């Protein structure tokens, strides 16, 4: 059985993975995404690795930047299919 702290760490890692996937699908670097929402790149990196936990206002800014809902951004709902590149 996991301790509450272990569950919190697992939740932060899961959120971080979701944030990294959403940013990659938006085709933004960490530096560009961080600048767009007015945080340091190290802060965004910490969120994506699960080392830090973003505040709700930061999650909303990221969702807006990536064109997602909060549920999609946090993994509670499926991401929309990736845009197709017609050649």
PDB file of N, CA and C in Angstrom:
ATOM      1  N   UNK A   1       0.838  -1.174   0.000  1.00  0.00           N
ATOM      2  CA  UNK A   1       0.000   0.000   0.000  1.00  0.00           C
ATOM      3  C   UNK A   1       0.889   1.246   0.000  1.00  0.00           C
ATOM      4  N   UNK A   2       0.545   2.189  -0.828  1.00  0.00           N
ATOM      5  CA  UNK A   2       1.326   3.422  -0.923  1.00  0.00           C
ATOM      6  C   UNK A   2       0.962   4.391   0.195  1.00  0.00           C
ATOM      7  N   UNK A   3       1.978   5.129   0.589  1.00  0.00           N
ATOM      8  CA  UNK A   3       1.737   6.192   1.568  1.00  0.00           C
ATOM      9  C   UNK A   3       1.113   7.378   0.835  1.00  0.00           C
ATOM     10  N   UNK A   4       0.490   8.299   1.554  1.00  0.00           N
ATOM     11  CA  UNK A   4      -0.062   9.497   0.900  1.00  0.00           C
ATOM     12  C   UNK A   4       1.005  10.281   0.127  1.00  0.00           C
ATOM     13  N   UNK A   5       2.219  10.341   0.658  1.00  0.00           N
ATOM     14  CA  UNK A   5       3.294  11.067  -0.037  1.00  0.00           C
ATOM     15  C   UNK A   5       3.678  10.358  -1.340  1.00  0.00           C
ATOM     16  N   UNK A   6       3.721   9.034  -1.324  1.00  0.00           N
ATOM     17  CA  UNK A   6       4.030   8.288  -2.544  1.00  0.00           C
ATOM     18  C   UNK A   6       2.941   8.504  -3.598  1.00  0.00           C
ATOM     19  N   UNK A   7       1.693   8.543  -3.170  1.00  0.00           N
ATOM     20  CA  UNK A   7       0.595   8.796  -4.098  1.00  0.00           C
ATOM     21  C   UNK A   7       0.681  10.204  -4.677  1.00  0.00           C
ATOM     22  N   UNK A   8       1.047  11.158  -3.846  1.00  0.00           N
ATOM     23  CA  UNK A   8       1.198  12.545  -4.326  1.00  0.00           C
ATOM     24  C   UNK A   8       2.338  12.637  -5.337  1.00  0.00           C
ATOM     25  N   UNK A   9       3.453  11.967  -5.067  1.00  0.00           N
ATOM     26  CA  UNK A   9       4.576  11.965  -6.003  1.00  0.00           C
ATOM     27  C   UNK A   9       4.183  11.324  -7.324  1.00  0.00           C
ATOM     28  N   UNK A  10       3.441  10.226  -7.257  1.00  0.00           N
ATOM     29  CA  UNK A  10       2.981   9.559  -8.478  1.00  0.00           C
ATOM     30  C   UNK A  10       2.053  10.481  -9.267  1.00  0.00           C
ATOM     31  N   UNK A  11       1.180  11.184  -8.591  1.00  0.00           N
ATOM     32  CA  UNK A  11       0.270  12.115  -9.258  1.00  0.00           C
ATOM     33  C   UNK A  11       1.048  13.250  -9.923  1.00  0.00           C
ATOM     34  N   UNK A  12       2.086  13.760  -9.255  1.00  0.00           N
ATOM     35  CA  UNK A  12       2.921  14.827  -9.847  1.00  0.00           C
ATOM     36  C   UNK A  12       3.648  14.318 -11.079  1.00  0.00           C
ATOM     37  N   UNK A  13       4.163  13.086 -11.028  1.00  0.00           N
ATOM     38  CA  UNK A  13       4.851  12.506 -12.200  1.00  0.00           C
ATOM     39  C   UNK A  13       3.882  12.346 -13.362  1.00  0.00           C
ATOM     40  N   UNK A  14       2.676  11.875 -13.073  1.00  0.00           N
ATOM     41  CA  UNK A  14       1.675  11.704 -14.129  1.00  0.00           C
ATOM     42  C   UNK A  14       1.316  13.052 -14.751  1.00  0.00           C
ATOM     43  N   UNK A  15       1.097  14.053 -13.916  1.00  0.00           N
ATOM     44  CA  UNK A  15       0.799  15.386 -14.421  1.00  0.00           C
ATOM     45  C   UNK A  15       1.955  15.894 -15.270  1.00  0.00           C
ATOM     46  N   UNK A  16       3.174  15.686 -14.805  1.00  0.00           N
ATOM     47  CA  UNK A  16       4.347  16.120 -15.557  1.00  0.00           C
ATOM     48  C   UNK A  16       4.414  15.491 -16.931  1.00  0.00           C
ATOM     49  N   UNK A  17       4.120  14.202 -17.003  1.00  0.00           N
ATOM     50  CA  UNK A  17       4.105  13.513 -18.300  1.00  0.00           C
ATOM     51  C   UNK A  17       3.048  14.113 -19.220  1.00  0.00           C
ATOM     52  N   UNK A  18       1.879  14.395 -18.668  1.00  0.00           N
ATOM     53  CA  UNK A  18       0.802  15.002 -19.462  1.00  0.00           C
ATOM     54  C   UNK A  18       1.221  16.383 -19.977  1.00  0.00           C
ATOM     55  N   UNK A  19       1.858  17.162 -19.118  1.00  0.00           N
ATOM     56  CA  UNK A  19       2.294  18.500 -19.520  1.00  0.00           C
ATOM     57  C   UNK A  19       3.331  18.420 -20.635  1.00  0.00           C
ATOM     58  N   UNK A  20       4.264  17.504 -20.516  1.00  0.00           N
ATOM     59  CA  UNK A  20       5.313  17.361 -21.527  1.00  0.00           C
ATOM     60  C   UNK A  20       4.727  16.918 -22.870  1.00  0.00           C
ATOM     61  N   UNK A  21       3.795  15.987 -22.834  1.00  0.00           N
ATOM     62  CA  UNK A  21       3.160  15.516 -24.071  1.00  0.00           C
ATOM     63  C   UNK A  21       2.375  16.648 -24.723  1.00  0.00           C
ATOM     64  N   UNK A  22       1.622  17.384 -23.933  1.00  0.00           N
ATOM     65  CA  UNK A  22       0.825  18.492 -24.475  1.00  0.00           C
ATOM     66  C   UNK A  22       1.721  19.550 -25.107  1.00  0.00           C
ATOM     67  N   UNK A  23       2.842  19.862 -24.454  1.00  0.00           N
ATOM     68  CA  UNK A  23       3.763  20.861 -25.005  1.00  0.00           C
ATOM     69  C   UNK A  23       4.374  20.376 -26.308  1.00  0.00           C
ATOM     70  N   UNK A  24       4.776  19.117 -26.335  1.00  0.00           N
ATOM     71  CA  UNK A  24       5.364  18.556 -27.555  1.00  0.00           C
ATOM     72  C   UNK A  24       4.354  18.563 -28.697  1.00  0.00           C
ATOM     73  N   UNK A  25       3.107  18.224 -28.385  1.00  0.00           N
ATOM     74  CA  UNK A  25       2.079  18.233 -29.433  1.00  0.00           C
ATOM     75  C   UNK A  25       1.773  19.635 -29.920  1.00  0.00           C
ATOM     76  N   UNK A  26       2.003  20.628 -29.061  1.00  0.00           N
ATOM     77  CA  UNK A  26       1.820  22.025 -29.468  1.00  0.00           C
ATOM     78  C   UNK A  26       3.049  22.538 -30.236  1.00  0.00           C
ATOM     79  N   UNK A  27       4.064  21.682 -30.322  1.00  0.00           N
ATOM     80  CA  UNK A  27       5.308  21.998 -31.032  1.00  0.00           C
ATOM     81  C   UNK A  27       6.003  23.227 -30.449  1.00  0.00           C
ATOM     82  N   UNK A  28       6.086  23.248 -29.131  1.00  0.00           N
ATOM     83  CA  UNK A  28       6.765  24.339 -28.438  1.00  0.00           C
ATOM     84  C   UNK A  28       7.927  23.784 -27.625  1.00  0.00           C
ATOM     85  N   UNK A  29       9.005  24.529 -27.570  1.00  0.00           N
ATOM     86  CA  UNK A  29      10.107  24.173 -26.683  1.00  0.00           C
ATOM     87  C   UNK A  29       9.716  24.565 -25.263  1.00  0.00           C
ATOM     88  N   UNK A  30      10.454  24.043 -24.298  1.00  0.00           N
ATOM     89  CA  UNK A  30      10.202  24.454 -22.918  1.00  0.00           C
ATOM     90  C   UNK A  30      10.417  25.952 -22.775  1.00  0.00           C
ATOM     91  N   UNK A  31      11.454  26.468 -23.418  1.00  0.00           N
ATOM     92  CA  UNK A  31      11.754  27.904 -23.308  1.00  0.00           C
ATOM     93  C   UNK A  31      10.614  28.741 -23.874  1.00  0.00           C
ATOM     94  N   UNK A  32      10.078  28.351 -25.020  1.00  0.00           N
ATOM     95  CA  UNK A  32       8.992  29.121 -25.649  1.00  0.00           C
ATOM     96  C   UNK A  32       7.723  29.054 -24.817  1.00  0.00           C
ATOM     97  N   UNK A  33       7.393  27.875 -24.309  1.00  0.00           N
ATOM     98  CA  UNK A  33       6.189  27.734 -23.495  1.00  0.00           C
ATOM     99  C   UNK A  33       6.327  28.517 -22.193  1.00  0.00           C
ATOM    100  N   UNK A  34       7.480  28.432 -21.562  1.00  0.00           N
ATOM    101  CA  UNK A  34       7.707  29.154 -20.306  1.00  0.00           C
ATOM    102  C   UNK A  34       7.593  30.656 -20.532  1.00  0.00           C
ATOM    103  N   UNK A  35       8.187  31.140 -21.597  1.00  0.00           N
ATOM    104  CA  UNK A  35       8.119  32.573 -21.891  1.00  0.00           C
ATOM    105  C   UNK A  35       6.674  33.010 -22.136  1.00  0.00           C
ATOM    106  N   UNK A  36       5.916  32.176 -22.837  1.00  0.00           N
ATOM    107  CA  UNK A  36       4.534  32.524 -23.173  1.00  0.00           C
ATOM    108  C   UNK A  36       3.649  32.673 -21.939  1.00  0.00           C
ATOM    109  N   UNK A  37       3.949  31.922 -20.873  1.00  0.00           N
ATOM    110  CA  UNK A  37       3.124  32.032 -19.661  1.00  0.00           C
ATOM    111  C   UNK A  37       3.853  32.766 -18.538  1.00  0.00           C
ATOM    112  N   UNK A  38       5.011  33.335 -18.873  1.00  0.00           N
ATOM    113  CA  UNK A  38       5.750  34.195 -17.949  1.00  0.00           C
ATOM    114  C   UNK A  38       6.266  33.461 -16.708  1.00  0.00           C
ATOM    115  N   UNK A  39       6.887  32.289 -16.951  1.00  0.00           N
ATOM    116  CA  UNK A  39       7.603  31.585 -15.881  1.00  0.00           C
ATOM    117  C   UNK A  39       8.992  31.244 -16.407  1.00  0.00           C
ATOM    118  N   UNK A  40       9.878  30.870 -15.503  1.00  0.00           N
ATOM    119  CA  UNK A  40      11.219  30.459 -15.926  1.00  0.00           C
ATOM    120  C   UNK A  40      11.164  29.060 -16.544  1.00  0.00           C
ATOM    121  N   UNK A  41      12.092  28.802 -17.469  1.00  0.00           N
ATOM    122  CA  UNK A  41      12.178  27.493 -18.103  1.00  0.00           C
ATOM    123  C   UNK A  41      12.396  26.410 -17.046  1.00  0.00           C
ATOM    124  N   UNK A  42      13.209  26.707 -16.037  1.00  0.00           N
ATOM    125  CA  UNK A  42      13.463  25.734 -14.968  1.00  0.00           C
ATOM    126  C   UNK A  42      12.183  25.384 -14.215  1.00  0.00           C
ATOM    127  N   UNK A  43      11.298  26.356 -14.073  1.00  0.00           N
ATOM    128  CA  UNK A  43      10.015  26.103 -13.405  1.00  0.00           C
ATOM    129  C   UNK A  43       9.180  25.138 -14.233  1.00  0.00           C
ATOM    130  N   UNK A  44       9.064  25.410 -15.526  1.00  0.00           N
ATOM    131  CA  UNK A  44       8.303  24.529 -16.411  1.00  0.00           C
ATOM    132  C   UNK A  44       8.922  23.132 -16.437  1.00  0.00           C
ATOM    133  N   UNK A  45      10.229  23.066 -16.487  1.00  0.00           N
ATOM    134  CA  UNK A  45      10.912  21.779 -16.465  1.00  0.00           C
ATOM    135  C   UNK A  45      10.580  21.007 -15.190  1.00  0.00           C
ATOM    136  N   UNK A  46      10.574  21.706 -14.059  1.00  0.00           N
ATOM    137  CA  UNK A  46      10.224  21.061 -12.789  1.00  0.00           C
ATOM    138  C   UNK A  46       8.817  20.501 -12.791  1.00  0.00           C
ATOM    139  N   UNK A  47       7.893  21.219 -13.420  1.00  0.00           N
ATOM    140  CA  UNK A  47       6.521  20.708 -13.526  1.00  0.00           C
ATOM    141  C   UNK A  47       6.492  19.444 -14.374  1.00  0.00           C
ATOM    142  N   UNK A  48       7.228  19.467 -15.485  1.00  0.00           N
ATOM    143  CA  UNK A  48       7.198  18.330 -16.419  1.00  0.00           C
ATOM    144  C   UNK A  48       7.892  17.094 -15.860  1.00  0.00           C
ATOM    145  N   UNK A  49       8.836  17.269 -14.968  1.00  0.00           N
ATOM    146  CA  UNK A  49       9.507  16.119 -14.367  1.00  0.00           C
ATOM    147  C   UNK A  49       8.807  15.633 -13.100  1.00  0.00           C
ATOM    148  N   UNK A  50       7.852  16.412 -12.614  1.00  0.00           N
ATOM    149  CA  UNK A  50       7.148  16.048 -11.389  1.00  0.00           C
ATOM    150  C   UNK A  50       7.862  16.503 -10.138  1.00  0.00           C
ATOM    151  N   UNK A  51       8.933  17.272 -10.292  1.00  0.00           N
ATOM    152  CA  UNK A  51       9.664  17.769  -9.133  1.00  0.00           C
ATOM    153  C   UNK A  51       8.922  18.905  -8.438  1.00  0.00           C
ATOM    154  N   UNK A  52       8.103  19.617  -9.203  1.00  0.00           N
ATOM    155  CA  UNK A  52       7.326  20.738  -8.664  1.00  0.00           C
ATOM    156  C   UNK A  52       5.887  20.586  -9.108  1.00  0.00           C
ATOM    157  N   UNK A  53       5.015  21.279  -8.401  1.00  0.00           N
ATOM    158  CA  UNK A  53       3.588  21.218  -8.707  1.00  0.00           C
ATOM    159  C   UNK A  53       3.097  22.611  -9.126  1.00  0.00           C
ATOM    160  N   UNK A  54       2.516  22.729 -10.327  1.00  0.00           N
ATOM    161  CA  UNK A  54       2.049  24.047 -10.766  1.00  0.00           C
ATOM    162  C   UNK A  54       0.797  24.475 -10.016  1.00  0.00           C
ATOM    163  N   UNK A  55       0.635  25.784  -9.921  1.00  0.00           N
ATOM    164  CA  UNK A  55      -0.584  26.336  -9.334  1.00  0.00           C
ATOM    165  C   UNK A  55      -1.695  26.269 -10.384  1.00  0.00           C
ATOM    166  N   UNK A  56      -2.931  26.368  -9.941  1.00  0.00           N
ATOM    167  CA  UNK A  56      -4.079  26.276 -10.848  1.00  0.00           C
ATOM    168  C   UNK A  56      -4.015  27.328 -11.949  1.00  0.00           C
ATOM    169  N   UNK A  57      -3.605  28.537 -11.620  1.00  0.00           N
ATOM    170  CA  UNK A  57      -3.531  29.598 -12.624  1.00  0.00           C
ATOM    171  C   UNK A  57      -2.503  29.241 -13.705  1.00  0.00           C
ATOM    172  N   UNK A  58      -1.422  28.586 -13.327  1.00  0.00           N
ATOM    173  CA  UNK A  58      -0.416  28.166 -14.302  1.00  0.00           C
ATOM    174  C   UNK A  58      -0.963  27.061 -15.209  1.00  0.00           C
ATOM    175  N   UNK A  59      -1.716  26.141 -14.639  1.00  0.00           N
ATOM    176  CA  UNK A  59      -2.333  25.088 -15.449  1.00  0.00           C
ATOM    177  C   UNK A  59      -3.308  25.684 -16.455  1.00  0.00           C
ATOM    178  N   UNK A  60      -4.074  26.676 -16.017  1.00  0.00           N
ATOM    179  CA  UNK A  60      -5.027  27.317 -16.935  1.00  0.00           C
ATOM    180  C   UNK A  60      -4.291  28.020 -18.075  1.00  0.00           C
ATOM    181  N   UNK A  61      -3.207  28.696 -17.746  1.00  0.00           N
ATOM    182  CA  UNK A  61      -2.416  29.367 -18.789  1.00  0.00           C
ATOM    183  C   UNK A  61      -1.845  28.365 -19.777  1.00  0.00           C
ATOM    184  N   UNK A  62      -1.362  27.237 -19.271  1.00  0.00           N
ATOM    185  CA  UNK A  62      -0.829  26.203 -20.167  1.00  0.00           C
ATOM    186  C   UNK A  62      -1.935  25.610 -21.031  1.00  0.00           C
ATOM    187  N   UNK A  63      -3.087  25.342 -20.442  1.00  0.00           N
ATOM    188  CA  UNK A  63      -4.209  24.797 -21.216  1.00  0.00           C
ATOM    189  C   UNK A  63      -4.584  25.759 -22.339  1.00  0.00           C
ATOM    190  N   UNK A  64      -4.654  27.044 -22.024  1.00  0.00           N
ATOM    191  CA  UNK A  64      -4.975  28.039 -23.049  1.00  0.00           C
ATOM    192  C   UNK A  64      -3.897  28.070 -24.129  1.00  0.00           C
ATOM    193  N   UNK A  65      -2.641  28.046 -23.723  1.00  0.00           N
ATOM    194  CA  UNK A  65      -1.531  28.083 -24.673  1.00  0.00           C
ATOM    195  C   UNK A  65      -1.563  26.879 -25.607  1.00  0.00           C
ATOM    196  N   UNK A  66      -1.840  25.717 -25.065  1.00  0.00           N
ATOM    197  CA  UNK A  66      -1.831  24.485 -25.859  1.00  0.00           C
ATOM    198  C   UNK A  66      -3.159  24.201 -26.542  1.00  0.00           C
ATOM    199  N   UNK A  67      -4.177  25.023 -26.280  1.00  0.00           N
ATOM    200  CA  UNK A  67      -5.485  24.827 -26.897  1.00  0.00           C
ATOM    201  C   UNK A  67      -6.214  23.606 -26.363  1.00  0.00           C
ATOM    202  N   UNK A  68      -6.089  23.364 -25.067  1.00  0.00           N
ATOM    203  CA  UNK A  68      -6.697  22.194 -24.437  1.00  0.00           C
ATOM    204  C   UNK A  68      -7.576  22.615 -23.277  1.00  0.00           C
ATOM    205  N   UNK A  69      -8.427  21.700 -22.841  1.00  0.00           N
ATOM    206  CA  UNK A  69      -9.163  21.912 -21.599  1.00  0.00           C
ATOM    207  C   UNK A  69      -8.256  21.502 -20.439  1.00  0.00           C
ATOM    208  N   UNK A  70      -8.618  21.899 -19.236  1.00  0.00           N
ATOM    209  CA  UNK A  70      -7.839  21.465 -18.073  1.00  0.00           C
ATOM    210  C   UNK A  70      -7.877  19.943 -17.922  1.00  0.00           C
ATOM    211  N   UNK A  71      -9.017  19.343 -18.193  1.00  0.00           N
ATOM    212  CA  UNK A  71      -9.102  17.882 -18.106  1.00  0.00           C
ATOM    213  C   UNK A  71      -8.173  17.212 -19.105  1.00  0.00           C
ATOM    214  N   UNK A  72      -8.098  17.732 -20.317  1.00  0.00           N
ATOM    215  CA  UNK A  72      -7.180  17.161 -21.308  1.00  0.00           C
ATOM    216  C   UNK A  72      -5.729  17.368 -20.884  1.00  0.00           C
ATOM    217  N   UNK A  73      -5.418  18.553 -20.406  1.00  0.00           N
ATOM    218  CA  UNK A  73      -4.052  18.870 -20.012  1.00  0.00           C
ATOM    219  C   UNK A  73      -3.578  17.989 -18.862  1.00  0.00           C
ATOM    220  N   UNK A  74      -4.465  17.694 -17.933  1.00  0.00           N
ATOM    221  CA  UNK A  74      -4.080  16.929 -16.745  1.00  0.00           C
ATOM    222  C   UNK A  74      -4.287  15.425 -16.882  1.00  0.00           C
ATOM    223  N   UNK A  75      -4.729  14.977 -18.055  1.00  0.00           N
ATOM    224  CA  UNK A  75      -4.884  13.544 -18.282  1.00  0.00           C
ATOM    225  C   UNK A  75      -6.202  12.965 -17.826  1.00  0.00           C
ATOM    226  N   UNK A  76      -7.143  13.821 -17.419  1.00  0.00           N
ATOM    227  CA  UNK A  76      -8.461  13.332 -17.003  1.00  0.00           C
ATOM    228  C   UNK A  76      -9.379  13.085 -18.185  1.00  0.00           C
ATOM    229  N   UNK A  77      -9.011  13.626 -19.350  1.00  0.00           N
ATOM    230  CA  UNK A  77      -9.758  13.403 -20.590  1.00  0.00           C
ATOM    231  C   UNK A  77      -8.732  13.182 -21.699  1.00  0.00           C
ATOM    232  N   UNK A  78      -9.153  12.510 -22.735  1.00  0.00           N
ATOM    233  CA  UNK A  78      -8.252  12.216 -23.848  1.00  0.00           C
ATOM    234  C   UNK A  78      -7.862  13.478 -24.593  1.00  0.00           C
ATOM    235  N   UNK A  79      -6.633  13.472 -25.076  1.00  0.00           N
ATOM    236  CA  UNK A  79      -6.195  14.559 -25.941  1.00  0.00           C
ATOM    237  C   UNK A  79      -6.866  14.408 -27.297  1.00  0.00           C
ATOM    238  N   UNK A  80      -7.132  15.513 -27.985  1.00  0.00           N
ATOM    239  CA  UNK A  80      -7.662  15.397 -29.332  1.00  0.00           C
ATOM    240  C   UNK A  80      -6.614  14.739 -30.230  1.00  0.00           C
ATOM    241  N   UNK A  81      -7.031  14.153 -31.343  1.00  0.00           N
ATOM    242  CA  UNK A  81      -6.044  13.534 -32.226  1.00  0.00           C
ATOM    243  C   UNK A  81      -5.058  14.584 -32.732  1.00  0.00           C
ATOM    244  N   UNK A  82      -3.806  14.177 -32.955  1.00  0.00           N
ATOM    245  CA  UNK A  82      -2.837  15.138 -33.464  1.00  0.00           C
ATOM    246  C   UNK A  82      -3.261  15.649 -34.836  1.00  0.00           C
ATOM    247  N   UNK A  83      -2.888  16.903 -35.105  1.00  0.00           N
ATOM    248  CA  UNK A  83      -3.192  17.454 -36.417  1.00  0.00           C
ATOM    249  C   UNK A  83      -2.400  16.727 -37.477  1.00  0.00           C
ATOM    250  N   UNK A  84      -3.062  16.443 -38.581  1.00  0.00           N
ATOM    251  CA  UNK A  84      -2.385  15.776 -39.700  1.00  0.00           C
ATOM    252  C   UNK A  84      -1.696  16.809 -40.548  1.00  0.00           C
ATOM    253  N   UNK A  85      -0.540  16.435 -41.031  1.00  0.00           N
ATOM    254  CA  UNK A  85       0.174  17.287 -41.965  1.00  0.00           C
ATOM    255  C   UNK A  85      -0.035  16.699 -43.352  1.00  0.00           C
ATOM    256  N   UNK A  86      -0.787  17.389 -44.176  1.00  0.00           N
ATOM    257  CA  UNK A  86      -0.977  16.925 -45.540  1.00  0.00           C
ATOM    258  C   UNK A  86       0.206  17.353 -46.373  1.00  0.00           C
ATOM    259  N   UNK A  87       0.733  16.410 -47.143  1.00  0.00           N
ATOM    260  CA  UNK A  87       1.889  16.725 -47.976  1.00  0.00           C
ATOM    261  C   UNK A  87       1.542  16.749 -49.436  1.00  0.00           C
TER     262      UNK A  87
END
